[in-house]
Protein backbone atom coordinates (compact mmCIF):
# COMPACT_ATOMS: atom_id res chain seq x y z
CA UNK A 1 -5.99 24.57 6.59
CA UNK A 2 -9.16 22.63 5.93
CA UNK A 3 -9.33 19.08 7.25
CA UNK A 4 -11.30 16.53 5.21
CA UNK A 5 -11.91 13.05 6.56
CA UNK A 6 -12.55 10.41 3.91
CA UNK A 7 -14.50 7.58 5.52
CA UNK A 8 -15.04 4.24 3.83
CA UNK A 9 -18.15 2.82 5.57
CA UNK A 10 -17.35 -0.64 4.22
CA UNK A 11 -13.84 -0.77 5.71
CA UNK A 12 -13.23 -2.64 8.94
CA UNK A 13 -15.82 -4.49 10.98
CA UNK A 14 -18.36 -1.65 11.02
CA UNK A 15 -19.10 1.80 9.62
CA UNK A 16 -16.63 4.18 11.30
CA UNK A 17 -18.44 7.42 10.40
CA UNK A 18 -19.81 8.17 13.86
CA UNK A 19 -16.52 7.22 15.49
CA UNK A 20 -14.61 9.60 13.22
CA UNK A 21 -17.12 12.39 13.82
CA UNK A 22 -16.93 11.95 17.61
CA UNK A 23 -13.11 11.86 17.49
CA UNK A 24 -12.95 15.05 15.41
CA UNK A 25 -15.34 16.91 17.70
CA UNK A 26 -13.48 15.73 20.80
CA UNK A 27 -10.24 17.05 19.31
CA UNK A 28 -11.87 20.46 18.84
CA UNK A 29 -11.21 20.67 15.09
CA UNK A 30 -13.35 23.41 13.56
CA UNK A 31 -12.63 23.71 9.87
CA UNK A 32 -13.44 20.16 8.81
CA UNK A 33 -15.65 18.02 6.61
CA UNK A 34 -16.48 14.32 6.57
CA UNK A 35 -16.98 12.57 3.25
CA UNK A 36 -18.35 9.02 3.10
CA UNK A 37 -17.34 7.02 0.02
CA UNK A 38 -20.29 5.76 -2.02
CA UNK A 39 -18.65 3.59 -4.68
CA UNK A 40 -15.19 2.55 -5.87
CA UNK A 41 -13.12 5.64 -6.82
CA UNK A 42 -15.76 8.05 -5.50
CA UNK A 43 -13.19 9.46 -3.05
CA UNK A 44 -10.70 10.12 -5.86
CA UNK A 45 -13.28 12.04 -7.91
CA UNK A 46 -14.47 14.00 -4.89
CA UNK A 47 -10.94 15.04 -3.87
CA UNK A 48 -10.02 16.21 -7.37
CA UNK A 49 -13.14 18.37 -7.41
CA UNK A 50 -12.33 19.86 -4.01
CA UNK A 51 -8.76 20.66 -5.03
CA UNK A 52 -9.87 22.87 -7.88
CA UNK A 53 -9.81 25.50 -5.14
CA UNK A 54 -6.10 26.25 -5.36
CA UNK A 55 -6.17 29.06 -2.78
CA UNK A 56 -7.01 26.79 0.17
CA UNK A 57 -4.63 24.39 1.92
CA UNK A 58 -6.12 20.93 2.54
CA UNK A 59 -5.24 17.90 4.58
CA UNK A 60 -7.04 14.67 3.71
CA UNK A 61 -7.39 11.91 6.29
CA UNK A 62 -7.84 8.37 5.01
CA UNK A 63 -10.27 6.69 7.43
CA UNK A 64 -10.27 3.10 6.29
CA UNK A 65 -7.67 0.61 5.10
CA UNK A 66 -5.07 0.57 2.35
CA UNK A 67 -7.70 0.64 -0.39
CA UNK A 68 -9.15 3.87 0.99
CA UNK A 69 -5.67 5.37 1.25
CA UNK A 70 -5.01 4.45 -2.37
CA UNK A 71 -8.14 6.33 -3.48
CA UNK A 72 -7.14 9.39 -1.46
CA UNK A 73 -3.59 9.34 -2.86
CA UNK A 74 -4.87 9.12 -6.43
CA UNK A 75 -7.01 12.17 -5.80
CA UNK A 76 -4.28 14.26 -4.19
CA UNK A 77 -1.27 13.56 -6.44
CA UNK A 78 -0.69 16.48 -8.77
CA UNK A 79 -1.93 19.11 -6.31
CA UNK A 80 0.65 21.04 -4.29
CA UNK A 81 -1.91 22.52 -1.90
CA UNK A 82 -2.77 19.19 -0.26
CA UNK A 83 -1.35 16.61 2.10
CA UNK A 84 -2.47 13.11 3.09
CA UNK A 85 -2.41 11.19 6.34
CA UNK A 86 -4.12 8.16 7.86
CA UNK A 87 -6.61 7.80 10.69
CA UNK A 88 -6.76 3.99 10.62
CA UNK A 89 -10.23 2.45 10.68
CA UNK A 90 -9.85 -0.47 8.26
CA UNK A 91 -8.62 -4.01 8.67
CA UNK A 92 -5.33 -3.41 6.89
CA UNK A 93 -2.95 -0.46 7.13
CA UNK A 94 0.26 -1.72 5.58
CA UNK A 95 1.74 1.57 4.44
CA UNK A 96 1.84 3.33 7.82
CA UNK A 97 3.83 0.42 9.26
CA UNK A 98 6.74 2.09 7.48
CA UNK A 99 6.56 4.80 10.17
CA UNK A 100 5.07 2.94 13.12
CA UNK A 101 1.84 1.28 14.21
CA UNK A 102 -1.83 2.07 13.67
CA UNK A 103 -1.87 3.33 17.26
CA UNK A 104 0.77 5.93 16.36
CA UNK A 105 -1.72 7.44 13.90
CA UNK A 106 -4.77 7.21 16.19
CA UNK A 107 -4.51 10.71 17.74
CA UNK A 108 -6.48 13.01 15.43
CA UNK A 109 -5.25 16.14 17.20
CA UNK A 110 -1.66 15.09 16.56
CA UNK A 111 -2.49 14.39 12.92
CA UNK A 112 -3.75 17.94 12.40
CA UNK A 113 -0.31 19.30 13.34
CA UNK A 114 1.68 16.49 11.69
CA UNK A 115 4.69 17.42 9.58
CA UNK A 116 4.72 16.85 5.83
CA UNK A 117 7.15 14.29 4.45
CA UNK A 118 7.65 14.53 0.69
CA UNK A 119 7.50 10.94 -0.51
CA UNK A 120 7.55 8.92 -3.72
CA UNK A 121 4.75 6.91 -5.30
CA UNK A 122 4.59 4.14 -7.89
CA UNK A 123 2.93 4.96 -11.20
CA UNK A 124 1.25 1.92 -12.72
CA UNK A 125 -1.52 1.33 -15.27
CA UNK A 126 -2.56 4.97 -15.28
CA UNK A 127 -2.87 5.17 -11.49
CA UNK A 128 -0.64 5.42 -8.44
CA UNK A 129 0.29 3.12 -5.57
CA UNK A 130 1.66 4.52 -2.33
CA UNK A 131 2.70 1.20 -0.80
CA UNK A 132 3.27 -1.68 -3.22
CA UNK A 133 2.52 -3.47 -6.45
CA UNK A 134 2.79 -7.23 -6.10
CA UNK A 135 1.92 -10.37 -8.03
CA UNK A 136 2.33 -14.13 -8.19
CA UNK A 137 1.53 -16.17 -5.08
CA UNK A 138 0.18 -13.08 -3.29
CA UNK A 139 -2.45 -12.32 -5.93
CA UNK A 140 -3.62 -15.94 -5.96
CA UNK A 141 -4.22 -15.57 -2.22
CA UNK A 142 -5.98 -12.22 -2.64
CA UNK A 143 -8.21 -13.41 -5.51
CA UNK A 144 -9.26 -16.41 -3.45
CA UNK A 145 -10.02 -14.28 -0.40
CA UNK A 146 -12.29 -12.01 -2.43
CA UNK A 147 -14.16 -15.03 -3.82
CA UNK A 148 -14.76 -16.81 -0.51
CA UNK A 149 -14.99 -13.98 2.04
CA UNK A 150 -18.79 -14.34 2.43
CA UNK A 151 -18.92 -18.14 2.20
CA UNK A 152 -19.68 -20.44 5.13
CA UNK A 153 -16.68 -22.00 6.90
CA UNK A 154 -14.06 -21.13 4.25
CA UNK A 155 -14.86 -17.40 4.31
CA UNK A 156 -15.00 -14.74 7.05
CA UNK A 157 -12.09 -15.07 9.45
CA UNK A 158 -10.95 -18.17 7.56
CA UNK A 159 -10.69 -16.40 4.19
CA UNK A 160 -6.95 -15.75 4.48
CA UNK A 161 -6.23 -19.36 5.41
CA UNK A 162 -8.33 -20.51 2.47
CA UNK A 163 -6.34 -18.16 0.25
CA UNK A 164 -2.98 -19.49 1.44
CA UNK A 165 -4.06 -23.12 0.95
CA UNK A 166 -5.20 -22.26 -2.58
CA UNK A 167 -1.89 -20.52 -3.19
CA UNK A 168 0.02 -23.61 -2.09
CA UNK A 169 -2.03 -25.70 -4.53
CA UNK A 170 -2.20 -23.34 -7.53
CA UNK A 171 0.14 -20.41 -7.01
CA UNK A 172 3.63 -21.83 -6.60
CA UNK A 173 4.77 -20.92 -10.09
CA UNK A 174 3.67 -17.96 -12.25
CA UNK A 175 4.93 -17.05 -15.70
CA UNK A 176 6.22 -13.46 -15.77
CA UNK A 177 9.21 -11.79 -17.40
CA UNK A 178 10.62 -8.93 -15.35
CA UNK A 179 13.00 -6.20 -16.53
CA UNK A 180 14.38 -3.61 -14.07
CA UNK A 181 16.02 -0.56 -15.65
CA UNK A 182 16.77 -2.59 -18.76
CA UNK A 183 18.18 -5.62 -16.92
CA UNK A 184 16.40 -8.98 -16.82
CA UNK A 185 15.57 -10.20 -13.30
CA UNK A 186 15.09 -13.91 -12.64
CA UNK A 187 13.79 -16.45 -15.14
CA UNK A 188 10.49 -16.87 -16.95
CA UNK A 189 8.74 -18.15 -13.82
CA UNK A 190 8.55 -16.87 -10.26
CA UNK A 191 6.95 -17.60 -6.93
CA UNK A 192 6.13 -13.98 -6.19
CA UNK A 193 7.34 -10.44 -6.67
CA UNK A 194 6.79 -7.19 -4.78
CA UNK A 195 7.59 -3.72 -6.09
CA UNK A 196 7.66 -1.56 -3.00
CA UNK A 197 7.61 2.03 -1.87
CA UNK A 198 6.62 0.94 1.64
CA UNK A 199 7.91 -2.12 3.48
CA UNK A 200 4.94 -4.32 4.34
CA UNK A 201 2.29 -6.25 2.41
CA UNK A 202 -0.40 -8.70 3.49
CA UNK A 203 -0.81 -7.19 6.93
CA UNK A 204 2.48 -8.29 8.49
CA UNK A 205 4.91 -9.44 5.80
CA UNK A 206 8.03 -7.26 5.81
CA UNK A 207 8.99 -8.04 2.23
CA UNK A 208 11.09 -4.90 1.62
CA UNK A 209 12.84 -4.18 4.93
CA UNK A 210 15.37 -1.76 3.39
CA UNK A 211 12.88 0.29 1.38
CA UNK A 212 12.89 4.08 1.69
CA UNK A 213 9.80 5.95 0.53
CA UNK A 214 11.72 9.09 -0.46
CA UNK A 215 14.83 7.80 -2.27
CA UNK A 216 13.49 7.89 -5.84
CA UNK A 217 13.80 4.10 -6.27
CA UNK A 218 11.48 1.10 -6.39
CA UNK A 219 12.45 -1.76 -4.10
CA UNK A 220 12.13 -5.03 -6.04
CA UNK A 221 11.89 -8.36 -4.20
CA UNK A 222 11.59 -11.17 -6.77
CA UNK A 223 11.43 -14.74 -5.44
CA UNK A 224 12.21 -17.76 -7.62
CA UNK A 225 9.92 -20.83 -7.56
CA UNK A 226 10.46 -23.21 -4.64
CA UNK A 227 8.92 -26.46 -3.43
CA UNK A 228 5.96 -26.29 -1.07
CA UNK A 229 7.97 -27.73 1.80
CA UNK A 230 10.78 -25.22 1.34
CA UNK A 231 8.25 -22.40 1.08
CA UNK A 232 6.68 -23.40 4.39
CA UNK A 233 10.10 -23.70 6.07
CA UNK A 234 11.17 -20.21 4.96
CA UNK A 235 7.95 -18.19 5.22
CA UNK A 236 8.60 -16.86 8.74
CA UNK A 237 11.95 -15.37 7.66
CA UNK A 238 10.19 -13.57 4.80
CA UNK A 239 7.43 -12.41 7.13
CA UNK A 240 9.91 -11.02 9.66
CA UNK A 241 12.00 -9.24 7.03
CA UNK A 242 15.16 -11.22 7.76
CA UNK A 243 15.29 -12.93 4.36
CA UNK A 244 17.77 -10.51 2.79
CA UNK A 245 20.52 -11.39 5.26
CA UNK A 246 19.79 -15.12 5.44
CA UNK A 247 22.12 -17.35 3.34
CA UNK A 248 19.19 -19.72 2.72
CA UNK A 249 17.64 -17.09 0.44
CA UNK A 250 20.79 -16.29 -1.53
CA UNK A 251 19.74 -18.26 -4.65
CA UNK A 252 16.04 -17.71 -4.17
CA UNK A 253 15.66 -13.94 -3.91
CA UNK A 254 16.57 -11.31 -6.49
CA UNK A 255 16.54 -8.00 -4.62
CA UNK A 256 17.30 -4.84 -6.59
CA UNK A 257 16.42 -1.14 -6.75
CA UNK A 258 15.26 0.50 -9.96
CA UNK A 259 13.34 3.44 -11.41
CA UNK A 260 11.35 1.55 -14.04
CA UNK A 261 10.05 -2.02 -14.07
CA UNK A 262 8.59 -3.72 -17.12
CA UNK A 263 6.66 -6.96 -16.77
CA UNK A 264 5.15 -9.30 -19.33
CA UNK A 265 2.88 -12.22 -18.49
CA UNK A 266 -0.07 -14.14 -19.95
CA UNK A 267 -3.65 -12.95 -20.42
CA UNK A 268 -4.81 -14.32 -17.05
CA UNK A 269 -2.23 -12.38 -15.04
CA UNK A 270 -3.27 -10.23 -12.06
CA UNK A 271 -1.38 -7.60 -10.13
CA UNK A 272 -2.28 -6.03 -6.80
CA UNK A 273 -2.06 -2.23 -6.59
CA UNK A 274 -2.17 -1.34 -2.88
CA UNK A 275 -4.40 -4.39 -2.43
CA UNK A 276 -6.69 -3.69 -5.39
CA UNK A 277 -6.63 -6.31 -8.16
CA UNK A 278 -5.99 -5.43 -11.78
CA UNK A 279 -5.94 -7.96 -14.64
CA UNK A 280 -3.24 -7.06 -17.14
CA UNK A 281 -0.71 -8.95 -19.28
CA UNK A 282 1.84 -6.16 -19.85
CA UNK A 283 2.65 -3.34 -17.51
CA UNK A 284 5.26 -0.71 -16.68
CA UNK A 285 5.78 0.51 -13.12
CA UNK A 286 7.73 3.75 -12.69
CA UNK A 287 8.81 5.77 -9.69
CA UNK A 288 7.08 9.12 -9.26
CA UNK A 289 9.66 11.00 -7.22
CA UNK A 290 8.54 13.28 -4.39
CA UNK A 291 4.99 13.08 -5.70
CA UNK A 292 3.06 13.35 -2.43
CA UNK A 293 2.98 15.25 0.86
CA UNK A 294 2.42 12.60 3.53
CA UNK A 295 1.73 13.98 7.01
CA UNK A 296 3.59 12.14 9.78
CA UNK A 297 2.90 12.69 13.51
CA UNK A 298 5.69 14.80 14.98
CA UNK A 299 6.79 12.14 17.48
CA UNK A 300 7.44 9.69 14.63
CA UNK A 301 9.02 12.37 12.48
CA UNK A 302 11.57 13.06 15.22
CA UNK A 303 12.02 9.40 16.17
CA UNK A 304 12.83 8.35 12.60
CA UNK A 305 15.00 11.43 12.06
CA UNK A 306 13.23 12.35 8.84
CA UNK A 307 15.16 15.20 7.26
CA UNK A 308 13.01 16.45 4.45
CA UNK A 309 9.72 18.29 4.87
CA UNK A 310 7.40 19.67 2.24
CA UNK A 311 6.13 23.21 2.31
CA UNK A 312 2.80 23.49 0.53
CA UNK A 313 0.87 26.50 -0.72
């Protein structure tokens, strides 16, 4: 097996290239390569070129955040001779929280011998998401963060707070019609909606606590509009993933599982695909069953009692 480490030098607080190289050498890995991303989607193009060699087995390591992982996934899907895992170096690693913590994926040696778990992905707008597609309040927050992240006082470490404040002012109601497997979900307006393969978004929000990434279904958490005061009073329940069993959410949350989601909004509508913004008024999100070999450290594989492995090559 050849091990290829995809490093996003812009992820995290500093360029992790030297750290990754030192970690790989310390682990004694011989057949490896380090690729540094140079532009958006450069990793996807590079991986597809590498995988033209169908005789070799490859494992790709996403060394960055969720955006880097998304690029790696979009390069690997469609190739049976490759697997993906994460060596977390970025500021956000939402998907791997499904299995454990960033620390659980920090042992490169353990990652080289990790077992393959055949998992689903979400197909959307001609690309794939491994973790989630979400929109509404969340995308207002994300758009704001991207605008202010380099600005004095309201940017930097305060960017998320600025985003949430903007969301409370401008993002409490978004027009969007949602249809799940032919059935209408909610009304014409919503607070937010997440379509999940994983369980977490936004760093620590457990929006889809019952999601399984290998069951062939999209986990849909659609939240009706609420007042600002009610939103603030309930946000911790949503963050902790206890909202599905809380009677206070009974009339607020529409939680279903489906294979195909159709959404229709206005021309200024944005969705987040694994944290990457896309402006689109109409969209279909479909489950891509067992589309990816995701390598999980053996200790987590055993702890979670994962049954299904994927033999590649």
